Amino acid sequence: MQSQLKPVVGEGKQDGGEPIPQPWSLPQIKRKGTDSRPAWYVNDRLVVRLHDENTLVIRVPLTKRESLIETFPDTFGVPPRMEAHHKVEAYLDRAKPRAVRMA
């Protein structure tokens, strides 16, 4: 199954007319995972992973996680297996794009 993710960041031009680099083209960012479960890492630390076709796992500092969940309860959740980790799940079928970008 081919991933349905499309680049959001990295398209267009900067103020000076230079193209904005796609984030996955930067040297410290690596794409890992599989075609069906792609993941992006910065300095070998998971930043985001497609868990299934409707769920993203996003690294979020614990200090900001509760605020995200309270502000966007339909977008984010923390299943029991992730409670001790710096991660949230984003539910793409009902997620607010702005909320996912904030995370």
C-alpha atoms as a PDB file:
ATOM      1  CA  MET A   1       0.000   0.000   0.000  1.00  0.00           C
ATOM      2  CA  GLN A   2       1.437   3.365  -1.009  1.00  0.00           C
ATOM      3  CA  SER A   3       1.391   6.104   1.631  1.00  0.00           C
ATOM      4  CA  GLN A   4      -1.232   8.802   1.094  1.00  0.00           C
ATOM      5  CA  LEU A   5       0.818  11.459   2.898  1.00  0.00           C
ATOM      6  CA  LYS A   6       1.517  14.511   0.791  1.00  0.00           C
ATOM      7  CA  PRO A   7       4.059  17.201   1.631  1.00  0.00           C
ATOM      8  CA  VAL A   8       2.507  20.260   3.231  1.00  0.00           C
ATOM      9  CA  VAL A   9       5.653  21.995   4.377  1.00  0.00           C
ATOM     10  CA  GLY A  10       8.396  22.615   1.880  1.00  0.00           C
ATOM     11  CA  GLU A  11       6.320  23.778  -1.060  1.00  0.00           C
ATOM     12  CA  GLY A  12       6.475  27.304  -2.399  1.00  0.00           C
ATOM     13  CA  LYS A  13       9.036  30.058  -2.122  1.00  0.00           C
ATOM     14  CA  GLN A  14      10.659  31.965   0.715  1.00  0.00           C
ATOM     15  CA  ASP A  15      10.464  35.767   0.841  1.00  0.00           C
ATOM     16  CA  GLY A  16      13.664  36.065  -1.194  1.00  0.00           C
ATOM     17  CA  GLY A  17      12.281  33.797  -3.912  1.00  0.00           C
ATOM     18  CA  GLU A  18      14.377  30.787  -2.876  1.00  0.00           C
ATOM     19  CA  PRO A  19      12.525  27.450  -2.804  1.00  0.00           C
ATOM     20  CA  ILE A  20      11.637  26.247   0.686  1.00  0.00           C
ATOM     21  CA  PRO A  21      13.527  22.983   1.279  1.00  0.00           C
ATOM     22  CA  GLN A  22      11.398  19.919   1.855  1.00  0.00           C
ATOM     23  CA  PRO A  23      11.987  18.912   5.468  1.00  0.00           C
ATOM     24  CA  TRP A  24      12.912  15.339   4.585  1.00  0.00           C
ATOM     25  CA  SER A  25      15.722  16.633   2.336  1.00  0.00           C
ATOM     26  CA  LEU A  26      17.611  18.145   5.283  1.00  0.00           C
ATOM     27  CA  PRO A  27      20.622  16.091   6.419  1.00  0.00           C
ATOM     28  CA  GLN A  28      19.496  15.533  10.032  1.00  0.00           C
ATOM     29  CA  ILE A  29      16.080  14.192   8.937  1.00  0.00           C
ATOM     30  CA  LYS A  30      15.769  10.559   7.908  1.00  0.00           C
ATOM     31  CA  ARG A  31      12.807   8.690   6.553  1.00  0.00           C
ATOM     32  CA  LYS A  32      12.561   5.195   7.945  1.00  0.00           C
ATOM     33  CA  GLY A  33       9.818   2.638   8.259  1.00  0.00           C
ATOM     34  CA  THR A  34       7.996   1.011   5.372  1.00  0.00           C
ATOM     35  CA  ASP A  35       5.790   2.226   2.538  1.00  0.00           C
ATOM     36  CA  SER A  36       2.706   1.451   4.613  1.00  0.00           C
ATOM     37  CA  ARG A  37       4.161   2.835   7.889  1.00  0.00           C
ATOM     38  CA  PRO A  38       6.590   5.623   6.991  1.00  0.00           C
ATOM     39  CA  ALA A  39       8.363   7.427   9.805  1.00  0.00           C
ATOM     40  CA  TRP A  40      10.544  10.518  10.009  1.00  0.00           C
ATOM     41  CA  TYR A  41      13.361  10.908  12.494  1.00  0.00           C
ATOM     42  CA  VAL A  42      15.475  13.917  13.485  1.00  0.00           C
ATOM     43  CA  ASN A  43      18.883  12.968  14.844  1.00  0.00           C
ATOM     44  CA  ASP A  44      17.635   9.364  15.169  1.00  0.00           C
ATOM     45  CA  ARG A  45      14.662  10.369  17.330  1.00  0.00           C
ATOM     46  CA  LEU A  46      11.155   9.622  16.060  1.00  0.00           C
ATOM     47  CA  VAL A  47       9.216  12.767  15.170  1.00  0.00           C
ATOM     48  CA  VAL A  48       6.220  11.357  13.322  1.00  0.00           C
ATOM     49  CA  ARG A  49       5.084   7.938  12.078  1.00  0.00           C
ATOM     50  CA  LEU A  50       2.014   6.838  10.174  1.00  0.00           C
ATOM     51  CA  HIS A  51       0.574   4.112  12.426  1.00  0.00           C
ATOM     52  CA  ASP A  52      -2.242   3.195  10.062  1.00  0.00           C
ATOM     53  CA  GLU A  53      -4.117   4.972   7.276  1.00  0.00           C
ATOM     54  CA  ASN A  54      -6.004   7.079   9.826  1.00  0.00           C
ATOM     55  CA  THR A  55      -3.553   7.556  12.706  1.00  0.00           C
ATOM     56  CA  LEU A  56      -0.314   9.502  13.052  1.00  0.00           C
ATOM     57  CA  VAL A  57       1.978   9.073  16.044  1.00  0.00           C
ATOM     58  CA  ILE A  58       3.611  12.420  16.841  1.00  0.00           C
ATOM     59  CA  ARG A  59       6.394  13.169  19.319  1.00  0.00           C
ATOM     60  CA  VAL A  60       5.224  15.904  21.691  1.00  0.00           C
ATOM     61  CA  PRO A  61       6.883  17.048  24.927  1.00  0.00           C
ATOM     62  CA  LEU A  62       4.934  15.807  27.943  1.00  0.00           C
ATOM     63  CA  THR A  63       4.629  19.424  29.113  1.00  0.00           C
ATOM     64  CA  LYS A  64       2.600  20.275  25.991  1.00  0.00           C
ATOM     65  CA  ARG A  65       0.707  17.035  25.506  1.00  0.00           C
ATOM     66  CA  GLU A  66      -2.151  17.672  27.957  1.00  0.00           C
ATOM     67  CA  SER A  67      -2.750  21.133  26.540  1.00  0.00           C
ATOM     68  CA  LEU A  68      -3.012  19.732  23.006  1.00  0.00           C
ATOM     69  CA  ILE A  69      -5.472  17.065  24.122  1.00  0.00           C
ATOM     70  CA  GLU A  70      -7.584  19.561  26.094  1.00  0.00           C
ATOM     71  CA  THR A  71      -7.618  22.078  23.241  1.00  0.00           C
ATOM     72  CA  PHE A  72      -8.242  19.525  20.465  1.00  0.00           C
ATOM     73  CA  PRO A  73      -9.921  16.495  22.097  1.00  0.00           C
ATOM     74  CA  ASP A  74     -11.281  15.158  18.795  1.00  0.00           C
ATOM     75  CA  THR A  75      -7.882  15.359  17.122  1.00  0.00           C
ATOM     76  CA  PHE A  76      -5.499  13.828  19.677  1.00  0.00           C
ATOM     77  CA  GLY A  77      -5.444  10.985  22.148  1.00  0.00           C
ATOM     78  CA  VAL A  78      -3.007   8.969  24.232  1.00  0.00           C
ATOM     79  CA  PRO A  79      -3.669   5.236  24.379  1.00  0.00           C
ATOM     80  CA  PRO A  80      -2.460   3.450  27.533  1.00  0.00           C
ATOM     81  CA  ARG A  81       0.622   2.038  25.775  1.00  0.00           C
ATOM     82  CA  MET A  82       1.858   5.613  25.133  1.00  0.00           C
ATOM     83  CA  GLU A  83       1.182   7.197  28.515  1.00  0.00           C
ATOM     84  CA  ALA A  84       4.835   7.061  29.591  1.00  0.00           C
ATOM     85  CA  HIS A  85       6.124   8.298  26.219  1.00  0.00           C
ATOM     86  CA  HIS A  86       6.409  11.746  24.653  1.00  0.00           C
ATOM     87  CA  LYS A  87       3.827  10.913  21.996  1.00  0.00           C
ATOM     88  CA  VAL A  88       0.224  11.491  20.972  1.00  0.00           C
ATOM     89  CA  GLU A  89      -1.931   9.923  18.338  1.00  0.00           C
ATOM     90  CA  ALA A  90      -3.584  12.215  15.793  1.00  0.00           C
ATOM     91  CA  TYR A  91      -6.806  10.827  14.336  1.00  0.00           C
ATOM     92  CA  LEU A  92      -6.744  11.993  10.732  1.00  0.00           C
ATOM     93  CA  ASP A  93     -10.401  11.324   9.933  1.00  0.00           C
ATOM     94  CA  ARG A  94     -11.438  14.036  12.382  1.00  0.00           C
ATOM     95  CA  ALA A  95      -8.226  15.999  12.928  1.00  0.00           C
ATOM     96  CA  LYS A  96      -8.048  19.727  12.511  1.00  0.00           C
ATOM     97  CA  PRO A  97      -5.106  20.392  10.172  1.00  0.00           C
ATOM     98  CA  ARG A  98      -4.022  23.394  12.265  1.00  0.00           C
ATOM     99  CA  ALA A  99      -3.855  21.211  15.370  1.00  0.00           C
ATOM    100  CA  VAL A 100      -1.682  18.603  13.655  1.00  0.00           C
ATOM    101  CA  ARG A 101       0.675  21.312  12.398  1.00  0.00           C
ATOM    102  CA  MET A 102       0.910  22.727  15.933  1.00  0.00           C
ATOM    103  CA  ALA A 103       1.864  19.349  17.361  1.00  0.00           C
END
